[in-house]
């Protein structure tokens, strides 16, 4: 069983009989009355996002999950297809609603971790994929970057660049097209330049 204090970003737990993932969490103390926790949670099966408030005494059942290495294959309409790298015949589709903004960091043949809800929780003969875990840092090629003009620092010395996945990230003025930059996938921010074009 999980207590309110065990909840953190990315925690998977069972609430009202369904698996939920914590997206954001904040703790607040109420004078003498104890503390409350407000969390944005996403239903791992439907993708719907809710804001819930929990009391100090609340307990939750931990979701029975399994983590496996998977590889991103392609996307078609609003569905993203992943495969098992060891057995390429096993495919795992996930909808855009469930993945949310994680899709902006996906590139073909990228290996990442798949989160599967185990058989006992779903009652089905096979584990069901409910989420993915991206690497915290990811190296991506800049496909479009406006030129950084000398003396153009009125806006803090950054510009908006487009990466190979289509994501737009604020980068320093010295970043050019075809540079490879390292991005923090949790915050969506530029970390450093890896390769200069």
C-alpha atoms as a PDB file:
ATOM      1  CA  UNK A   1       0.000   0.000   0.000  1.00  0.00           C
ATOM      2  CA  UNK A   2       1.111   3.524  -0.785  1.00  0.00           C
ATOM      3  CA  UNK A   3       0.534   6.482   1.502  1.00  0.00           C
ATOM      4  CA  UNK A   4       0.025  10.081   0.427  1.00  0.00           C
ATOM      5  CA  UNK A   5       3.741  10.751   1.066  1.00  0.00           C
ATOM      6  CA  UNK A   6       4.746   7.987  -1.408  1.00  0.00           C
ATOM      7  CA  UNK A   7       3.092   9.769  -4.326  1.00  0.00           C
ATOM      8  CA  UNK A   8       5.541  11.523  -6.643  1.00  0.00           C
ATOM      9  CA  UNK A   9       5.708  12.409 -10.322  1.00  0.00           C
ATOM     10  CA  UNK A  10       5.451   9.213 -12.404  1.00  0.00           C
ATOM     11  CA  UNK A  11       4.054   6.996  -9.614  1.00  0.00           C
ATOM     12  CA  UNK A  12       1.462   4.471 -10.828  1.00  0.00           C
ATOM     13  CA  UNK A  13      -1.313   3.511  -8.413  1.00  0.00           C
ATOM     14  CA  UNK A  14      -4.859   2.135  -8.384  1.00  0.00           C
ATOM     15  CA  UNK A  15      -7.668   4.616  -7.670  1.00  0.00           C
ATOM     16  CA  UNK A  16     -11.352   3.650  -7.908  1.00  0.00           C
ATOM     17  CA  UNK A  17     -10.338   0.364  -9.577  1.00  0.00           C
ATOM     18  CA  UNK A  18      -8.376   1.990 -12.426  1.00  0.00           C
ATOM     19  CA  UNK A  19      -4.626   2.588 -12.890  1.00  0.00           C
ATOM     20  CA  UNK A  20      -3.519   6.235 -12.585  1.00  0.00           C
ATOM     21  CA  UNK A  21      -0.190   7.994 -13.142  1.00  0.00           C
ATOM     22  CA  UNK A  22       0.817  11.105 -11.155  1.00  0.00           C
ATOM     23  CA  UNK A  23       1.656  13.993 -13.524  1.00  0.00           C
ATOM     24  CA  UNK A  24       2.133  16.825 -11.002  1.00  0.00           C
ATOM     25  CA  UNK A  25       1.919  16.959  -7.241  1.00  0.00           C
ATOM     26  CA  UNK A  26       1.941  19.672  -4.568  1.00  0.00           C
ATOM     27  CA  UNK A  27       1.737  19.387  -0.784  1.00  0.00           C
ATOM     28  CA  UNK A  28       0.028  21.987   1.417  1.00  0.00           C
ATOM     29  CA  UNK A  29      -0.106  22.257   5.193  1.00  0.00           C
ATOM     30  CA  UNK A  30      -3.323  23.439   6.807  1.00  0.00           C
ATOM     31  CA  UNK A  31      -2.534  24.989  10.173  1.00  0.00           C
ATOM     32  CA  UNK A  32      -3.233  22.476  12.922  1.00  0.00           C
ATOM     33  CA  UNK A  33      -5.302  20.232  10.697  1.00  0.00           C
ATOM     34  CA  UNK A  34      -2.501  18.358   8.982  1.00  0.00           C
ATOM     35  CA  UNK A  35      -1.674  18.399   5.313  1.00  0.00           C
ATOM     36  CA  UNK A  36      -3.322  17.813   1.974  1.00  0.00           C
ATOM     37  CA  UNK A  37      -1.840  16.805  -1.345  1.00  0.00           C
ATOM     38  CA  UNK A  38      -3.221  18.059  -4.641  1.00  0.00           C
ATOM     39  CA  UNK A  39      -2.247  15.964  -7.644  1.00  0.00           C
ATOM     40  CA  UNK A  40      -2.890  16.012 -11.367  1.00  0.00           C
ATOM     41  CA  UNK A  41      -3.392  12.366 -12.277  1.00  0.00           C
ATOM     42  CA  UNK A  42      -3.932  10.666 -15.639  1.00  0.00           C
ATOM     43  CA  UNK A  43      -6.040   7.565 -16.116  1.00  0.00           C
ATOM     44  CA  UNK A  44      -3.502   5.174 -17.664  1.00  0.00           C
ATOM     45  CA  UNK A  45      -6.143   3.424 -19.789  1.00  0.00           C
ATOM     46  CA  UNK A  46      -8.230   6.335 -21.101  1.00  0.00           C
ATOM     47  CA  UNK A  47      -5.746   9.222 -20.947  1.00  0.00           C
ATOM     48  CA  UNK A  48      -8.186  11.512 -19.112  1.00  0.00           C
ATOM     49  CA  UNK A  49      -6.534  13.950 -16.688  1.00  0.00           C
ATOM     50  CA  UNK A  50      -8.075  14.823 -13.310  1.00  0.00           C
ATOM     51  CA  UNK A  51      -7.097  17.013 -10.368  1.00  0.00           C
ATOM     52  CA  UNK A  52      -7.582  15.198  -7.067  1.00  0.00           C
ATOM     53  CA  UNK A  53      -6.977  16.216  -3.452  1.00  0.00           C
ATOM     54  CA  UNK A  54      -5.821  13.569  -0.981  1.00  0.00           C
ATOM     55  CA  UNK A  55      -5.749  13.632   2.828  1.00  0.00           C
ATOM     56  CA  UNK A  56      -2.868  12.501   5.028  1.00  0.00           C
ATOM     57  CA  UNK A  57      -4.775   9.326   5.978  1.00  0.00           C
ATOM     58  CA  UNK A  58      -5.464   8.189   2.374  1.00  0.00           C
ATOM     59  CA  UNK A  59      -3.788   4.982   1.189  1.00  0.00           C
ATOM     60  CA  UNK A  60      -3.556   3.554  -2.312  1.00  0.00           C
ATOM     61  CA  UNK A  61      -2.909   0.187  -3.867  1.00  0.00           C
ATOM     62  CA  UNK A  62       0.294   0.141  -5.903  1.00  0.00           C
ATOM     63  CA  UNK A  63      -0.285  -0.735  -9.573  1.00  0.00           C
ATOM     64  CA  UNK A  64       1.162  -4.121 -10.534  1.00  0.00           C
ATOM     65  CA  UNK A  65       3.428  -3.045 -13.386  1.00  0.00           C
ATOM     66  CA  UNK A  66       6.237  -4.507 -15.431  1.00  0.00           C
ATOM     67  CA  UNK A  67       8.895  -2.479 -17.270  1.00  0.00           C
ATOM     68  CA  UNK A  68      10.338  -3.755 -20.564  1.00  0.00           C
ATOM     69  CA  UNK A  69      12.647  -2.417 -23.245  1.00  0.00           C
ATOM     70  CA  UNK A  70      10.675  -1.388 -26.344  1.00  0.00           C
ATOM     71  CA  UNK A  71      11.468   0.447 -29.562  1.00  0.00           C
ATOM     72  CA  UNK A  72       9.416   3.159 -31.290  1.00  0.00           C
ATOM     73  CA  UNK A  73       8.484   2.064 -34.816  1.00  0.00           C
ATOM     74  CA  UNK A  74       6.140   4.658 -36.370  1.00  0.00           C
ATOM     75  CA  UNK A  75       3.020   6.752 -35.855  1.00  0.00           C
ATOM     76  CA  UNK A  76      -0.169   6.641 -37.911  1.00  0.00           C
ATOM     77  CA  UNK A  77      -2.913   9.194 -37.326  1.00  0.00           C
ATOM     78  CA  UNK A  78      -3.276   9.334 -33.528  1.00  0.00           C
ATOM     79  CA  UNK A  79      -1.703   5.957 -32.772  1.00  0.00           C
ATOM     80  CA  UNK A  80       1.946   5.261 -31.942  1.00  0.00           C
ATOM     81  CA  UNK A  81       3.340   1.789 -32.625  1.00  0.00           C
ATOM     82  CA  UNK A  82       6.115   0.287 -30.486  1.00  0.00           C
ATOM     83  CA  UNK A  83       7.790  -3.119 -30.862  1.00  0.00           C
ATOM     84  CA  UNK A  84       9.735  -5.571 -28.746  1.00  0.00           C
ATOM     85  CA  UNK A  85      13.364  -5.326 -30.034  1.00  0.00           C
ATOM     86  CA  UNK A  86      13.926  -9.059 -29.372  1.00  0.00           C
ATOM     87  CA  UNK A  87      10.742 -10.192 -31.138  1.00  0.00           C
ATOM     88  CA  UNK A  88       9.811  -7.680 -33.848  1.00  0.00           C
ATOM     89  CA  UNK A  89       6.464  -9.427 -34.456  1.00  0.00           C
ATOM     90  CA  UNK A  90       5.153  -8.166 -31.080  1.00  0.00           C
ATOM     91  CA  UNK A  91       3.639  -4.713 -31.572  1.00  0.00           C
ATOM     92  CA  UNK A  92       2.195  -2.428 -28.914  1.00  0.00           C
ATOM     93  CA  UNK A  93      -0.091   0.426 -30.059  1.00  0.00           C
ATOM     94  CA  UNK A  94      -0.643   3.430 -27.759  1.00  0.00           C
ATOM     95  CA  UNK A  95      -2.991   6.329 -28.475  1.00  0.00           C
ATOM     96  CA  UNK A  96      -1.977   9.988 -28.525  1.00  0.00           C
ATOM     97  CA  UNK A  97      -4.353  10.687 -25.611  1.00  0.00           C
ATOM     98  CA  UNK A  98      -2.400   8.318 -23.369  1.00  0.00           C
ATOM     99  CA  UNK A  99       1.097   9.454 -24.424  1.00  0.00           C
ATOM    100  CA  UNK A 100       0.336  13.177 -24.305  1.00  0.00           C
ATOM    101  CA  UNK A 101       3.351  15.473 -24.765  1.00  0.00           C
ATOM    102  CA  UNK A 102       5.819  12.562 -24.669  1.00  0.00           C
ATOM    103  CA  UNK A 103       5.224  12.190 -28.418  1.00  0.00           C
ATOM    104  CA  UNK A 104       7.258  15.305 -29.207  1.00  0.00           C
ATOM    105  CA  UNK A 105      10.478  13.468 -28.265  1.00  0.00           C
ATOM    106  CA  UNK A 106       9.904  10.218 -30.207  1.00  0.00           C
ATOM    107  CA  UNK A 107      12.045   9.365 -33.227  1.00  0.00           C
ATOM    108  CA  UNK A 108      11.991   6.098 -35.251  1.00  0.00           C
ATOM    109  CA  UNK A 109      14.028   3.147 -33.883  1.00  0.00           C
ATOM    110  CA  UNK A 110      14.468   4.914 -30.535  1.00  0.00           C
ATOM    111  CA  UNK A 111      14.758   2.475 -27.611  1.00  0.00           C
ATOM    112  CA  UNK A 112      12.931   3.320 -24.391  1.00  0.00           C
ATOM    113  CA  UNK A 113      11.135   1.679 -21.495  1.00  0.00           C
ATOM    114  CA  UNK A 114       7.538   0.500 -21.815  1.00  0.00           C
ATOM    115  CA  UNK A 115       5.313   0.301 -18.734  1.00  0.00           C
ATOM    116  CA  UNK A 116       2.927  -2.658 -18.843  1.00  0.00           C
ATOM    117  CA  UNK A 117      -0.005  -3.302 -16.517  1.00  0.00           C
ATOM    118  CA  UNK A 118       0.419  -6.912 -15.467  1.00  0.00           C
ATOM    119  CA  UNK A 119      -2.037  -9.692 -16.238  1.00  0.00           C
ATOM    120  CA  UNK A 120      -3.545  -9.874 -12.743  1.00  0.00           C
ATOM    121  CA  UNK A 121      -4.651  -6.210 -12.882  1.00  0.00           C
ATOM    122  CA  UNK A 122      -6.258  -6.374 -16.322  1.00  0.00           C
ATOM    123  CA  UNK A 123      -7.585  -9.918 -16.265  1.00  0.00           C
ATOM    124  CA  UNK A 124      -6.378 -10.398 -19.847  1.00  0.00           C
ATOM    125  CA  UNK A 125      -3.976 -13.154 -20.919  1.00  0.00           C
ATOM    126  CA  UNK A 126      -1.352 -10.588 -22.003  1.00  0.00           C
ATOM    127  CA  UNK A 127       0.093  -7.549 -20.215  1.00  0.00           C
ATOM    128  CA  UNK A 128      -1.269  -4.242 -21.535  1.00  0.00           C
ATOM    129  CA  UNK A 129       1.048  -1.292 -22.295  1.00  0.00           C
ATOM    130  CA  UNK A 130      -0.100   1.844 -20.473  1.00  0.00           C
ATOM    131  CA  UNK A 131       2.826   4.271 -20.689  1.00  0.00           C
ATOM    132  CA  UNK A 132       6.414   4.863 -21.760  1.00  0.00           C
ATOM    133  CA  UNK A 133       9.430   6.195 -19.888  1.00  0.00           C
ATOM    134  CA  UNK A 134      11.644   8.468 -21.954  1.00  0.00           C
ATOM    135  CA  UNK A 135      15.360   8.867 -21.268  1.00  0.00           C
ATOM    136  CA  UNK A 136      15.874  11.993 -19.127  1.00  0.00           C
ATOM    137  CA  UNK A 137      18.408  13.438 -21.575  1.00  0.00           C
ATOM    138  CA  UNK A 138      18.016  13.012 -25.331  1.00  0.00           C
ATOM    139  CA  UNK A 139      20.305  14.090 -28.195  1.00  0.00           C
ATOM    140  CA  UNK A 140      18.399  15.539 -31.166  1.00  0.00           C
ATOM    141  CA  UNK A 141      19.444  17.238 -34.400  1.00  0.00           C
ATOM    142  CA  UNK A 142      18.381  20.845 -35.064  1.00  0.00           C
ATOM    143  CA  UNK A 143      16.529  20.979 -38.395  1.00  0.00           C
ATOM    144  CA  UNK A 144      15.620  24.669 -38.347  1.00  0.00           C
ATOM    145  CA  UNK A 145      17.207  27.567 -36.499  1.00  0.00           C
ATOM    146  CA  UNK A 146      16.969  31.249 -37.423  1.00  0.00           C
ATOM    147  CA  UNK A 147      20.360  32.969 -37.620  1.00  0.00           C
ATOM    148  CA  UNK A 148      21.548  34.523 -34.365  1.00  0.00           C
ATOM    149  CA  UNK A 149      22.479  38.087 -35.201  1.00  0.00           C
ATOM    150  CA  UNK A 150      25.259  39.841 -33.339  1.00  0.00           C
ATOM    151  CA  UNK A 151      23.879  42.155 -30.673  1.00  0.00           C
ATOM    152  CA  UNK A 152      20.458  40.467 -30.762  1.00  0.00           C
ATOM    153  CA  UNK A 153      20.232  39.890 -27.003  1.00  0.00           C
ATOM    154  CA  UNK A 154      17.142  41.940 -26.179  1.00  0.00           C
ATOM    155  CA  UNK A 155      15.253  38.717 -25.376  1.00  0.00           C
ATOM    156  CA  UNK A 156      17.885  37.034 -23.228  1.00  0.00           C
ATOM    157  CA  UNK A 157      20.069  35.610 -25.971  1.00  0.00           C
ATOM    158  CA  UNK A 158      17.821  32.715 -27.027  1.00  0.00           C
ATOM    159  CA  UNK A 159      15.913  31.745 -30.147  1.00  0.00           C
ATOM    160  CA  UNK A 160      13.333  29.104 -31.057  1.00  0.00           C
ATOM    161  CA  UNK A 161      14.755  26.086 -32.924  1.00  0.00           C
ATOM    162  CA  UNK A 162      12.931  23.118 -34.481  1.00  0.00           C
ATOM    163  CA  UNK A 163      14.319  19.654 -33.741  1.00  0.00           C
ATOM    164  CA  UNK A 164      14.213  16.489 -35.887  1.00  0.00           C
ATOM    165  CA  UNK A 165      11.114  15.278 -34.024  1.00  0.00           C
ATOM    166  CA  UNK A 166       9.233  18.510 -34.773  1.00  0.00           C
ATOM    167  CA  UNK A 167       9.527  19.833 -31.218  1.00  0.00           C
ATOM    168  CA  UNK A 168      10.326  23.532 -30.796  1.00  0.00           C
ATOM    169  CA  UNK A 169      12.841  24.411 -28.091  1.00  0.00           C
ATOM    170  CA  UNK A 170      14.395  27.658 -26.901  1.00  0.00           C
ATOM    171  CA  UNK A 171      18.172  27.474 -27.546  1.00  0.00           C
ATOM    172  CA  UNK A 172      21.107  29.917 -27.240  1.00  0.00           C
ATOM    173  CA  UNK A 173      21.934  32.168 -30.206  1.00  0.00           C
ATOM    174  CA  UNK A 174      25.082  30.193 -31.140  1.00  0.00           C
ATOM    175  CA  UNK A 175      23.087  27.041 -32.054  1.00  0.00           C
ATOM    176  CA  UNK A 176      22.815  26.542 -35.829  1.00  0.00           C
ATOM    177  CA  UNK A 177      20.992  24.194 -38.183  1.00  0.00           C
ATOM    178  CA  UNK A 178      22.404  20.604 -38.162  1.00  0.00           C
ATOM    179  CA  UNK A 179      23.890  20.980 -34.653  1.00  0.00           C
ATOM    180  CA  UNK A 180      23.040  18.149 -32.251  1.00  0.00           C
ATOM    181  CA  UNK A 181      21.710  19.378 -28.898  1.00  0.00           C
ATOM    182  CA  UNK A 182      20.931  17.593 -25.638  1.00  0.00           C
ATOM    183  CA  UNK A 183      17.404  18.155 -24.325  1.00  0.00           C
ATOM    184  CA  UNK A 184      15.944  17.407 -20.885  1.00  0.00           C
ATOM    185  CA  UNK A 185      12.731  15.513 -21.751  1.00  0.00           C
ATOM    186  CA  UNK A 186      11.147  16.164 -18.329  1.00  0.00           C
ATOM    187  CA  UNK A 187      11.340  19.961 -18.577  1.00  0.00           C
ATOM    188  CA  UNK A 188      11.611  20.287 -22.373  1.00  0.00           C
ATOM    189  CA  UNK A 189      14.622  22.579 -22.021  1.00  0.00           C
ATOM    190  CA  UNK A 190      17.943  22.812 -23.855  1.00  0.00           C
ATOM    191  CA  UNK A 191      20.864  21.440 -21.796  1.00  0.00           C
ATOM    192  CA  UNK A 192      23.951  21.630 -24.017  1.00  0.00           C
ATOM    193  CA  UNK A 193      25.310  21.367 -27.547  1.00  0.00           C
ATOM    194  CA  UNK A 194      26.710  17.884 -28.243  1.00  0.00           C
ATOM    195  CA  UNK A 195      27.950  18.201 -31.852  1.00  0.00           C
ATOM    196  CA  UNK A 196      28.669  21.401 -33.751  1.00  0.00           C
ATOM    197  CA  UNK A 197      27.712  21.257 -37.451  1.00  0.00           C
END
